[in-house]
Amino acid sequence: MRINRLRTPSPALVVSFIALLVALGGTSYAALALPSNSVGTRQIVNGAVSTKKIRNGAVTASKVNPSGLTVPTALHAIQASAAVDATSASSATHASTADSATMATTASHASTADSATTATTASDANTLGGKPPSTFENAANVKTANVTNNGTTATVVQGNAGAVADRSGTGSVSVFFPENIANCTWVVTERNPLGAGAASIETAFANSVTVLTANGAGALADENFQLLVVC
């Protein structure tokens, strides 16, 4: 009868078995006794941190570079240095530049607004249509007189302070202003409700303009008129 004897393991097998035990023991040790603050940038594989792994509120504003962000919609913005296109802005406290705003309910301060379809309230506007205030006529250089003529007396019922009217005859009224208007431009319109009459400038002096009014037949008649003087 043949008896099988156990074979003695070879030296190579013994060394391999010991290496396996050391490797397994080292991994377990590392998993159970990993020192704190020992994982750094070099230990994290690129792209390994997913969105789900980031705790809510973990990334603060100081850690974000705003130049690389795109915001499709901003319901509330305290400050916006430049807004190229804004479809709707309920409230803009300060806007350095707004190239185009379709609807702006309230704009407290706007340095420049190239185009605004609707602006309910604008407290301060440095330019209008891109032009400074000096481009437009100063209100102090525009004088008006709304004159009524009842056939006896002519009266300035509305217009510049100090303007008075004097009826000198049928259809002839002189309007006097406290300032010199010799180098100004005068425009007069008749105020007959039916529009049948006419009004024209007869003469102009240093501080007065004489207006002639006529009826629909062209004859001089006492009519109400409006006088505009631009200097």
C-alpha atoms as a PDB file:
ATOM      1  CA  MET A   1       0.000   0.000   0.000  1.00  0.00           C
ATOM      2  CA  ARG A   2       1.309   3.457  -1.063  1.00  0.00           C
ATOM      3  CA  ILE A   3       1.303   6.249   1.551  1.00  0.00           C
ATOM      4  CA  ASN A   4       1.084   9.912   0.300  1.00  0.00           C
ATOM      5  CA  ARG A   5       3.352  12.252   2.181  1.00  0.00           C
ATOM      6  CA  LEU A   6       2.789  15.980   2.581  1.00  0.00           C
ATOM      7  CA  ARG A   7       5.117  17.999   0.440  1.00  0.00           C
ATOM      8  CA  THR A   8       7.238  20.644   2.084  1.00  0.00           C
ATOM      9  CA  PRO A   9       6.439  24.154   0.613  1.00  0.00           C
ATOM     10  CA  SER A  10       9.155  25.637  -1.472  1.00  0.00           C
ATOM     11  CA  PRO A  11      11.041  28.739  -0.277  1.00  0.00           C
ATOM     12  CA  ALA A  12       9.450  30.811  -3.054  1.00  0.00           C
ATOM     13  CA  LEU A  13       5.943  29.888  -1.905  1.00  0.00           C
ATOM     14  CA  VAL A  14       6.783  30.807   1.681  1.00  0.00           C
ATOM     15  CA  VAL A  15       8.128  34.216   0.647  1.00  0.00           C
ATOM     16  CA  SER A  16       5.034  34.904  -1.500  1.00  0.00           C
ATOM     17  CA  PHE A  17       2.713  33.967   1.364  1.00  0.00           C
ATOM     18  CA  ILE A  18       4.554  36.273   3.791  1.00  0.00           C
ATOM     19  CA  ALA A  19       4.412  39.147   1.263  1.00  0.00           C
ATOM     20  CA  LEU A  20       0.655  38.649   0.897  1.00  0.00           C
ATOM     21  CA  LEU A  21       0.134  38.820   4.654  1.00  0.00           C
ATOM     22  CA  VAL A  22       2.232  41.986   4.917  1.00  0.00           C
ATOM     23  CA  ALA A  23       0.327  43.627   2.064  1.00  0.00           C
ATOM     24  CA  LEU A  24      -3.073  42.794   3.555  1.00  0.00           C
ATOM     25  CA  GLY A  25      -1.999  43.872   6.988  1.00  0.00           C
ATOM     26  CA  GLY A  26      -0.638  47.173   5.643  1.00  0.00           C
ATOM     27  CA  THR A  27      -3.908  48.005   3.847  1.00  0.00           C
ATOM     28  CA  SER A  28      -5.948  47.260   6.950  1.00  0.00           C
ATOM     29  CA  TYR A  29      -3.620  49.364   9.011  1.00  0.00           C
ATOM     30  CA  ALA A  30      -3.880  52.257   6.625  1.00  0.00           C
ATOM     31  CA  ALA A  31      -7.686  52.055   6.597  1.00  0.00           C
ATOM     32  CA  LEU A  32      -7.972  51.886  10.375  1.00  0.00           C
ATOM     33  CA  ALA A  33      -5.176  54.222  11.447  1.00  0.00           C
ATOM     34  CA  LEU A  34      -5.016  56.957   8.719  1.00  0.00           C
ATOM     35  CA  PRO A  35      -3.574  60.085  10.365  1.00  0.00           C
ATOM     36  CA  SER A  36      -5.745  63.225  10.348  1.00  0.00           C
ATOM     37  CA  ASN A  37      -4.971  65.920   7.751  1.00  0.00           C
ATOM     38  CA  SER A  38      -2.864  63.419   5.815  1.00  0.00           C
ATOM     39  CA  VAL A  39      -4.907  63.574   2.544  1.00  0.00           C
ATOM     40  CA  GLY A  40      -3.924  66.486   0.305  1.00  0.00           C
ATOM     41  CA  THR A  41      -4.156  67.586  -3.314  1.00  0.00           C
ATOM     42  CA  ARG A  42      -1.645  64.936  -4.420  1.00  0.00           C
ATOM     43  CA  GLN A  43      -3.754  62.122  -2.932  1.00  0.00           C
ATOM     44  CA  ILE A  44      -7.009  63.195  -4.687  1.00  0.00           C
ATOM     45  CA  VAL A  45      -7.443  62.086  -8.284  1.00  0.00           C
ATOM     46  CA  ASN A  46      -8.446  64.842 -10.747  1.00  0.00           C
ATOM     47  CA  GLY A  47     -12.204  64.879 -11.204  1.00  0.00           C
ATOM     48  CA  ALA A  48     -12.786  62.574  -8.231  1.00  0.00           C
ATOM     49  CA  VAL A  49     -14.929  65.072  -6.225  1.00  0.00           C
ATOM     50  CA  SER A  50     -18.495  65.064  -7.607  1.00  0.00           C
ATOM     51  CA  THR A  51     -21.312  67.535  -6.993  1.00  0.00           C
ATOM     52  CA  LYS A  52     -23.047  65.143  -4.579  1.00  0.00           C
ATOM     53  CA  LYS A  53     -19.899  64.969  -2.446  1.00  0.00           C
ATOM     54  CA  ILE A  54     -19.926  68.751  -1.769  1.00  0.00           C
ATOM     55  CA  ARG A  55     -21.916  69.670   1.322  1.00  0.00           C
ATOM     56  CA  ASN A  56     -24.494  72.457   0.941  1.00  0.00           C
ATOM     57  CA  GLY A  57     -22.998  75.776   1.984  1.00  0.00           C
ATOM     58  CA  ALA A  58     -19.442  74.410   1.939  1.00  0.00           C
ATOM     59  CA  VAL A  59     -18.346  76.674  -0.937  1.00  0.00           C
ATOM     60  CA  THR A  60     -18.519  80.336   0.169  1.00  0.00           C
ATOM     61  CA  ALA A  61     -18.320  83.535  -1.892  1.00  0.00           C
ATOM     62  CA  SER A  62     -14.668  84.079  -0.947  1.00  0.00           C
ATOM     63  CA  LYS A  63     -13.778  80.765  -2.646  1.00  0.00           C
ATOM     64  CA  VAL A  64     -15.553  81.575  -5.933  1.00  0.00           C
ATOM     65  CA  ASN A  65     -14.051  83.502  -8.866  1.00  0.00           C
ATOM     66  CA  PRO A  66     -17.050  85.507 -10.244  1.00  0.00           C
ATOM     67  CA  SER A  67     -15.322  86.139 -13.602  1.00  0.00           C
ATOM     68  CA  GLY A  68     -15.816  82.513 -14.543  1.00  0.00           C
ATOM     69  CA  LEU A  69     -19.499  82.322 -13.650  1.00  0.00           C
ATOM     70  CA  THR A  70     -22.554  82.692 -15.907  1.00  0.00           C
ATOM     71  CA  VAL A  71     -25.881  83.583 -14.261  1.00  0.00           C
ATOM     72  CA  PRO A  72     -28.921  83.105 -16.575  1.00  0.00           C
ATOM     73  CA  THR A  73     -31.327  84.887 -14.189  1.00  0.00           C
ATOM     74  CA  ALA A  74     -30.687  87.094 -11.162  1.00  0.00           C
ATOM     75  CA  LEU A  75     -33.847  87.899  -9.214  1.00  0.00           C
ATOM     76  CA  HIS A  76     -32.083  90.282  -6.845  1.00  0.00           C
ATOM     77  CA  ALA A  77     -28.735  92.020  -7.413  1.00  0.00           C
ATOM     78  CA  ILE A  78     -27.481  94.658  -4.961  1.00  0.00           C
ATOM     79  CA  GLN A  79     -24.873  95.999  -7.390  1.00  0.00           C
ATOM     80  CA  ALA A  80     -24.266  95.425 -11.097  1.00  0.00           C
ATOM     81  CA  SER A  81     -21.329  97.277 -12.672  1.00  0.00           C
ATOM     82  CA  ALA A  82     -22.483  96.497 -16.218  1.00  0.00           C
ATOM     83  CA  ALA A  83     -25.617  94.887 -17.620  1.00  0.00           C
ATOM     84  CA  VAL A  84     -25.518  94.545 -21.404  1.00  0.00           C
ATOM     85  CA  ASP A  85     -29.103  93.282 -21.717  1.00  0.00           C
ATOM     86  CA  ALA A  86     -31.751  93.102 -19.014  1.00  0.00           C
ATOM     87  CA  THR A  87     -35.235  91.987 -20.033  1.00  0.00           C
ATOM     88  CA  SER A  88     -36.808  92.953 -16.710  1.00  0.00           C
ATOM     89  CA  ALA A  89     -35.392  94.751 -13.667  1.00  0.00           C
ATOM     90  CA  SER A  90     -37.862  95.439 -10.860  1.00  0.00           C
ATOM     91  CA  SER A  91     -35.383  97.587  -8.954  1.00  0.00           C
ATOM     92  CA  ALA A  92     -31.852  98.768  -9.795  1.00  0.00           C
ATOM     93  CA  THR A  93     -30.367 100.870  -6.997  1.00  0.00           C
ATOM     94  CA  HIS A  94     -27.133 101.732  -8.807  1.00  0.00           C
ATOM     95  CA  ALA A  95     -26.244 100.895 -12.415  1.00  0.00           C
ATOM     96  CA  SER A  96     -23.027 102.239 -13.930  1.00  0.00           C
ATOM     97  CA  THR A  97     -23.999 101.234 -17.475  1.00  0.00           C
ATOM     98  CA  ALA A  98     -27.171  99.747 -18.945  1.00  0.00           C
ATOM     99  CA  ASP A  99     -26.987  99.392 -22.727  1.00  0.00           C
ATOM    100  CA  SER A 100     -30.517  98.073 -23.070  1.00  0.00           C
ATOM    101  CA  ALA A 101     -33.358  97.719 -20.562  1.00  0.00           C
ATOM    102  CA  THR A 102     -36.726  96.583 -21.915  1.00  0.00           C
ATOM    103  CA  MET A 103     -38.604  97.362 -18.691  1.00  0.00           C
ATOM    104  CA  ALA A 104     -37.326  99.207 -15.645  1.00  0.00           C
ATOM    105  CA  THR A 105     -39.894  99.866 -12.928  1.00  0.00           C
ATOM    106  CA  THR A 106     -37.593 101.962 -10.741  1.00  0.00           C
ATOM    107  CA  ALA A 107     -34.119 103.358 -11.377  1.00  0.00           C
ATOM    108  CA  SER A 108     -32.805 105.394  -8.434  1.00  0.00           C
ATOM    109  CA  HIS A 109     -29.576 106.472 -10.129  1.00  0.00           C
ATOM    110  CA  ALA A 110     -28.547 105.893 -13.749  1.00  0.00           C
ATOM    111  CA  SER A 111     -25.359 107.461 -15.112  1.00  0.00           C
ATOM    112  CA  THR A 112     -26.153 106.483 -18.710  1.00  0.00           C
ATOM    113  CA  ALA A 113     -29.168 104.787 -20.291  1.00  0.00           C
ATOM    114  CA  ASP A 114     -28.799 104.288 -24.053  1.00  0.00           C
ATOM    115  CA  SER A 115     -32.236 102.759 -24.467  1.00  0.00           C
ATOM    116  CA  ALA A 116     -35.149 102.397 -22.021  1.00  0.00           C
ATOM    117  CA  THR A 117     -38.536 101.249 -23.309  1.00  0.00           C
ATOM    118  CA  THR A 118     -40.362 102.030 -20.053  1.00  0.00           C
ATOM    119  CA  ALA A 119     -39.089 103.878 -16.986  1.00  0.00           C
ATOM    120  CA  THR A 120     -41.712 104.542 -14.313  1.00  0.00           C
ATOM    121  CA  THR A 121     -39.375 106.500 -12.045  1.00  0.00           C
ATOM    122  CA  ALA A 122     -35.899 107.920 -12.699  1.00  0.00           C
ATOM    123  CA  SER A 123     -34.594 110.021  -9.803  1.00  0.00           C
ATOM    124  CA  ASP A 124     -31.379 111.111 -11.515  1.00  0.00           C
ATOM    125  CA  ALA A 125     -30.395 110.924 -15.181  1.00  0.00           C
ATOM    126  CA  ASN A 126     -27.138 112.559 -16.264  1.00  0.00           C
ATOM    127  CA  THR A 127     -27.870 112.141 -19.965  1.00  0.00           C
ATOM    128  CA  LEU A 128     -30.957 111.977 -22.178  1.00  0.00           C
ATOM    129  CA  GLY A 129     -30.540 109.943 -25.348  1.00  0.00           C
ATOM    130  CA  GLY A 130     -26.792 110.037 -24.766  1.00  0.00           C
ATOM    131  CA  LYS A 131     -26.761 113.859 -24.804  1.00  0.00           C
ATOM    132  CA  PRO A 132     -25.878 116.099 -21.812  1.00  0.00           C
ATOM    133  CA  PRO A 133     -28.361 118.667 -20.445  1.00  0.00           C
ATOM    134  CA  SER A 134     -26.422 121.511 -22.122  1.00  0.00           C
ATOM    135  CA  THR A 135     -27.637 120.200 -25.507  1.00  0.00           C
ATOM    136  CA  PHE A 136     -31.235 121.130 -24.721  1.00  0.00           C
ATOM    137  CA  GLU A 137     -32.838 124.542 -24.313  1.00  0.00           C
ATOM    138  CA  ASN A 138     -32.705 126.034 -20.835  1.00  0.00           C
ATOM    139  CA  ALA A 139     -36.194 126.592 -19.434  1.00  0.00           C
ATOM    140  CA  ALA A 140     -35.123 130.096 -18.345  1.00  0.00           C
ATOM    141  CA  ASN A 141     -34.746 131.035 -22.036  1.00  0.00           C
ATOM    142  CA  VAL A 142     -38.344 130.088 -22.900  1.00  0.00           C
ATOM    143  CA  LYS A 143     -41.110 132.582 -22.131  1.00  0.00           C
ATOM    144  CA  THR A 144     -44.843 132.080 -22.561  1.00  0.00           C
ATOM    145  CA  ALA A 145     -48.015 134.145 -22.267  1.00  0.00           C
ATOM    146  CA  ASN A 146     -51.541 132.723 -22.444  1.00  0.00           C
ATOM    147  CA  VAL A 147     -53.676 135.774 -23.209  1.00  0.00           C
ATOM    148  CA  THR A 148     -57.475 136.251 -23.103  1.00  0.00           C
ATOM    149  CA  ASN A 149     -59.174 139.212 -24.819  1.00  0.00           C
ATOM    150  CA  ASN A 150     -62.790 139.903 -23.888  1.00  0.00           C
ATOM    151  CA  GLY A 151     -63.134 142.932 -26.157  1.00  0.00           C
ATOM    152  CA  THR A 152     -62.376 145.359 -23.371  1.00  0.00           C
ATOM    153  CA  THR A 153     -59.352 144.028 -21.504  1.00  0.00           C
ATOM    154  CA  ALA A 154     -56.521 141.680 -22.402  1.00  0.00           C
ATOM    155  CA  THR A 155     -55.106 139.573 -19.567  1.00  0.00           C
ATOM    156  CA  VAL A 156     -52.211 137.136 -19.196  1.00  0.00           C
ATOM    157  CA  VAL A 157     -53.956 134.246 -17.445  1.00  0.00           C
ATOM    158  CA  GLN A 158     -50.928 131.934 -17.505  1.00  0.00           C
ATOM    159  CA  GLY A 159     -47.271 132.386 -18.380  1.00  0.00           C
ATOM    160  CA  ASN A 160     -44.008 133.847 -17.131  1.00  0.00           C
ATOM    161  CA  ALA A 161     -44.036 135.870 -13.945  1.00  0.00           C
ATOM    162  CA  GLY A 162     -44.181 139.585 -14.692  1.00  0.00           C
ATOM    163  CA  ALA A 163     -45.722 139.219 -18.163  1.00  0.00           C
ATOM    164  CA  VAL A 164     -48.652 141.624 -18.756  1.00  0.00           C
ATOM    165  CA  ALA A 165     -50.978 142.311 -21.707  1.00  0.00           C
ATOM    166  CA  ASP A 166     -52.433 145.619 -22.931  1.00  0.00           C
ATOM    167  CA  ARG A 167     -55.314 145.862 -25.458  1.00  0.00           C
ATOM    168  CA  SER A 168     -54.737 148.905 -27.693  1.00  0.00           C
ATOM    169  CA  GLY A 169     -57.658 148.349 -30.059  1.00  0.00           C
ATOM    170  CA  THR A 170     -59.808 145.742 -31.777  1.00  0.00           C
ATOM    171  CA  GLY A 171     -57.663 142.675 -32.394  1.00  0.00           C
ATOM    172  CA  SER A 172     -54.448 144.377 -31.217  1.00  0.00           C
ATOM    173  CA  VAL A 173     -52.736 143.370 -27.975  1.00  0.00           C
ATOM    174  CA  SER A 174     -49.199 144.100 -26.757  1.00  0.00           C
ATOM    175  CA  VAL A 175     -47.527 141.635 -24.377  1.00  0.00           C
ATOM    176  CA  PHE A 176     -44.759 142.983 -22.129  1.00  0.00           C
ATOM    177  CA  PHE A 177     -42.039 140.895 -20.452  1.00  0.00           C
ATOM    178  CA  PRO A 178     -39.693 142.030 -17.644  1.00  0.00           C
ATOM    179  CA  GLU A 179     -36.649 140.939 -19.725  1.00  0.00           C
ATOM    180  CA  ASN A 180     -35.257 142.119 -23.035  1.00  0.00           C
ATOM    181  CA  ILE A 181     -36.579 139.919 -25.874  1.00  0.00           C
ATOM    182  CA  ALA A 182     -35.305 141.924 -28.867  1.00  0.00           C
ATOM    183  CA  ASN A 183     -33.029 139.099 -30.066  1.00  0.00           C
ATOM    184  CA  CYS A 184     -35.525 136.293 -29.471  1.00  0.00           C
ATOM    185  CA  THR A 185     -37.862 134.264 -31.683  1.00  0.00           C
ATOM    186  CA  TRP A 186     -41.636 134.743 -31.332  1.00  0.00           C
ATOM    187  CA  VAL A 187     -44.417 132.299 -32.186  1.00  0.00           C
ATOM    188  CA  VAL A 188     -48.133 133.027 -31.710  1.00  0.00           C
ATOM    189  CA  THR A 189     -51.228 130.827 -32.150  1.00  0.00           C
ATOM    190  CA  GLU A 190     -54.913 131.774 -31.960  1.00  0.00           C
ATOM    191  CA  ARG A 191     -57.016 130.021 -29.297  1.00  0.00           C
ATOM    192  CA  ASN A 192     -60.460 130.094 -30.884  1.00  0.00           C
ATOM    193  CA  PRO A 193     -62.031 126.706 -30.030  1.00  0.00           C
ATOM    194  CA  LEU A 194     -63.278 126.296 -33.617  1.00  0.00           C
ATOM    195  CA  GLY A 195     -59.950 127.315 -35.099  1.00  0.00           C
ATOM    196  CA  ALA A 196     -61.592 129.863 -37.414  1.00  0.00           C
ATOM    197  CA  GLY A 197     -59.463 132.847 -36.426  1.00  0.00           C
ATOM    198  CA  ALA A 198     -55.809 133.720 -36.913  1.00  0.00           C
ATOM    199  CA  ALA A 199     -53.021 135.434 -34.982  1.00  0.00           C
ATOM    200  CA  SER A 200     -49.790 137.054 -36.155  1.00  0.00           C
ATOM    201  CA  ILE A 201     -46.893 139.147 -34.849  1.00  0.00           C
ATOM    202  CA  GLU A 202     -47.145 142.795 -35.905  1.00  0.00           C
ATOM    203  CA  THR A 203     -44.136 144.370 -34.193  1.00  0.00           C
ATOM    204  CA  ALA A 204     -41.554 143.517 -31.539  1.00  0.00           C
ATOM    205  CA  PHE A 205     -39.589 145.901 -29.343  1.00  0.00           C
ATOM    206  CA  ALA A 206     -37.023 145.576 -26.550  1.00  0.00           C
ATOM    207  CA  ASN A 207     -39.380 143.892 -24.098  1.00  0.00           C
ATOM    208  CA  SER A 208     -42.770 143.680 -25.853  1.00  0.00           C
ATOM    209  CA  VAL A 209     -44.532 141.943 -28.742  1.00  0.00           C
ATOM    210  CA  THR A 210     -47.676 143.259 -30.457  1.00  0.00           C
ATOM    211  CA  VAL A 211     -50.077 140.538 -31.641  1.00  0.00           C
ATOM    212  CA  LEU A 212     -52.900 140.994 -34.169  1.00  0.00           C
ATOM    213  CA  THR A 213     -55.859 138.572 -34.120  1.00  0.00           C
ATOM    214  CA  ALA A 214     -58.540 138.149 -36.793  1.00  0.00           C
ATOM    215  CA  ASN A 215     -61.780 136.246 -37.273  1.00  0.00           C
ATOM    216  CA  GLY A 216     -62.545 133.632 -39.919  1.00  0.00           C
ATOM    217  CA  ALA A 217     -63.281 136.344 -42.503  1.00  0.00           C
ATOM    218  CA  GLY A 218     -59.848 137.902 -41.981  1.00  0.00           C
ATOM    219  CA  ALA A 219     -61.088 141.028 -40.214  1.00  0.00           C
ATOM    220  CA  LEU A 220     -59.455 142.191 -36.985  1.00  0.00           C
ATOM    221  CA  ALA A 221     -61.290 140.716 -33.998  1.00  0.00           C
ATOM    222  CA  ASP A 222     -60.668 140.260 -30.304  1.00  0.00           C
ATOM    223  CA  GLU A 223     -59.479 136.664 -29.901  1.00  0.00           C
ATOM    224  CA  ASN A 224     -57.571 134.711 -27.280  1.00  0.00           C
ATOM    225  CA  PHE A 225     -54.037 133.647 -28.188  1.00  0.00           C
ATOM    226  CA  GLN A 226     -50.884 131.951 -26.926  1.00  0.00           C
ATOM    227  CA  LEU A 227     -47.447 133.562 -27.286  1.00  0.00           C
ATOM    228  CA  LEU A 228     -44.139 131.682 -27.158  1.00  0.00           C
ATOM    229  CA  VAL A 229     -40.785 133.478 -26.989  1.00  0.00           C
ATOM    230  CA  VAL A 230     -37.500 131.556 -27.283  1.00  0.00           C
ATOM    231  CA  CYS A 231     -34.263 133.455 -26.616  1.00  0.00           C
END
